[in-house]
Amino acid sequence: MRKARILYKDEEAGMLTQHDDGSYTFSYHDAWLTDHSKPAISLIMPKIERAFYSKFLFPFFYNMLPEGSNKQVVCKYNRLDPADDFGLLLTVAKNDSIGAVRVVKIE
């Protein structure tokens, strides 16, 4: 199992988990849910108490990944399996992301 902190404008909004079977869950932190000034990180992931579940990496996070030759270069340089979407997300979205959301690995 691998986990990542999801930061919105450098504030921790929730946690993304990849389970051993390859499925994913995302959940908001309670403090984020109760603060009405904090937005949802995505329209497809509204602020609700239950965790979101998917057999594949959520489209919101998948769209943060590089594609084509950029993906090949990042994978080769960082010695990543091109099929490891979560590993790629942890590598590229910790510092280099478009928008307010970053993904930081929990050791």
Protein backbone atom coordinates (compact mmCIF):
# COMPACT_ATOMS: atom_id res chain seq x y z
CA MET A 1 0.00 0.00 0.00
CA ARG A 2 1.23 3.48 -0.87
CA LYS A 3 -0.15 6.78 0.39
CA ALA A 4 0.13 10.41 -0.57
CA ARG A 5 -0.90 13.68 0.99
CA ILE A 6 -3.04 15.83 -1.30
CA LEU A 7 -2.19 19.50 -0.90
CA TYR A 8 -4.37 22.35 -2.11
CA LYS A 9 -2.40 25.60 -2.19
CA ASP A 10 0.08 23.99 0.21
CA GLU A 11 -2.60 23.02 2.75
CA GLU A 12 -3.32 19.35 3.30
CA ALA A 13 -6.81 18.59 1.99
CA GLY A 14 -6.87 14.81 2.04
CA MET A 15 -5.16 11.52 1.38
CA LEU A 16 -4.84 9.35 -1.72
CA THR A 17 -4.14 5.66 -1.15
CA GLN A 18 -3.16 2.94 -3.60
CA HIS A 19 -4.06 -0.42 -2.09
CA ASP A 20 -2.16 -3.66 -2.66
CA ASP A 21 -4.77 -4.86 -5.16
CA GLY A 22 -4.17 -1.75 -7.32
CA SER A 23 -7.38 0.04 -6.33
CA TYR A 24 -7.46 3.60 -5.02
CA THR A 25 -9.26 5.60 -2.36
CA PHE A 26 -9.31 9.32 -1.78
CA SER A 27 -10.73 10.96 1.32
CA TYR A 28 -10.81 14.50 2.61
CA HIS A 29 -9.52 15.29 6.08
CA ASP A 30 -12.21 16.17 8.62
CA ALA A 31 -10.79 19.66 9.13
CA TRP A 32 -11.04 20.31 5.38
CA LEU A 33 -14.62 19.09 5.27
CA THR A 34 -15.80 21.25 8.16
CA ASP A 35 -14.15 24.46 6.89
CA HIS A 36 -16.68 25.92 4.46
CA SER A 37 -14.08 28.29 3.00
CA LYS A 38 -12.08 25.32 1.64
CA PRO A 39 -13.10 24.13 -1.84
CA ALA A 40 -13.30 20.62 -3.24
CA ILE A 41 -10.13 19.68 -5.10
CA SER A 42 -12.20 18.67 -8.13
CA LEU A 43 -15.78 18.88 -9.38
CA ILE A 44 -15.89 15.08 -9.62
CA MET A 45 -14.69 14.80 -6.01
CA PRO A 46 -17.05 17.01 -4.00
CA LYS A 47 -16.53 17.54 -0.30
CA ILE A 48 -18.27 14.56 1.29
CA GLU A 49 -17.43 12.45 4.33
CA ARG A 50 -17.20 9.08 2.62
CA ALA A 51 -14.07 8.01 0.79
CA PHE A 52 -14.04 7.83 -2.99
CA TYR A 53 -13.09 4.43 -4.42
CA SER A 54 -11.84 3.42 -7.88
CA LYS A 55 -10.23 0.36 -9.46
CA PHE A 56 -8.06 2.77 -11.47
CA LEU A 57 -6.30 6.04 -10.71
CA PHE A 58 -8.98 8.74 -10.50
CA PRO A 59 -9.25 10.78 -13.73
CA PHE A 60 -8.48 14.00 -11.83
CA PHE A 61 -5.08 12.63 -10.78
CA TYR A 62 -4.47 10.71 -14.01
CA ASN A 63 -4.75 13.96 -15.95
CA MET A 64 -1.81 15.33 -13.96
CA LEU A 65 0.51 12.75 -15.58
CA PRO A 66 2.79 13.45 -18.54
CA GLU A 67 2.06 11.67 -21.81
CA GLY A 68 3.97 10.45 -24.85
CA SER A 69 7.64 11.31 -25.10
CA ASN A 70 7.51 13.41 -21.92
CA LYS A 71 6.30 10.36 -20.00
CA GLN A 72 9.06 8.22 -21.53
CA VAL A 73 11.74 10.71 -20.50
CA VAL A 74 10.42 11.07 -16.95
CA CYS A 75 10.14 7.29 -16.53
CA LYS A 76 13.61 6.64 -17.91
CA TYR A 77 15.26 9.42 -15.90
CA ASN A 78 13.56 8.36 -12.65
CA ARG A 79 13.74 4.61 -13.33
CA LEU A 80 9.96 4.19 -13.19
CA ASP A 81 7.81 1.51 -14.76
CA PRO A 82 5.66 3.32 -17.38
CA ALA A 83 2.66 1.30 -16.16
CA ASP A 84 3.08 2.60 -12.57
CA ASP A 85 0.70 5.56 -12.68
CA PHE A 86 0.84 6.14 -8.93
CA GLY A 87 4.65 6.14 -8.89
CA LEU A 88 4.67 8.56 -11.80
CA LEU A 89 2.13 10.79 -10.03
CA LEU A 90 4.26 10.83 -6.87
CA THR A 91 7.29 11.82 -8.93
CA VAL A 92 5.84 14.58 -11.11
CA ALA A 93 3.06 16.10 -9.00
CA LYS A 94 5.02 16.81 -5.84
CA ASN A 95 6.57 19.99 -7.27
CA ASP A 96 5.62 20.34 -10.91
CA SER A 97 1.87 20.57 -11.29
CA ILE A 98 -0.49 22.89 -13.07
CA GLY A 99 -3.04 24.35 -10.72
CA ALA A 100 -3.39 24.36 -6.96
CA VAL A 101 -3.12 20.61 -6.22
CA ARG A 102 0.10 18.79 -5.40
CA VAL A 103 0.67 15.15 -4.45
CA VAL A 104 3.32 14.36 -1.81
CA LYS A 105 4.35 10.82 -0.92
CA ILE A 106 3.94 9.65 2.66
CA GLU A 107 7.01 7.64 3.62
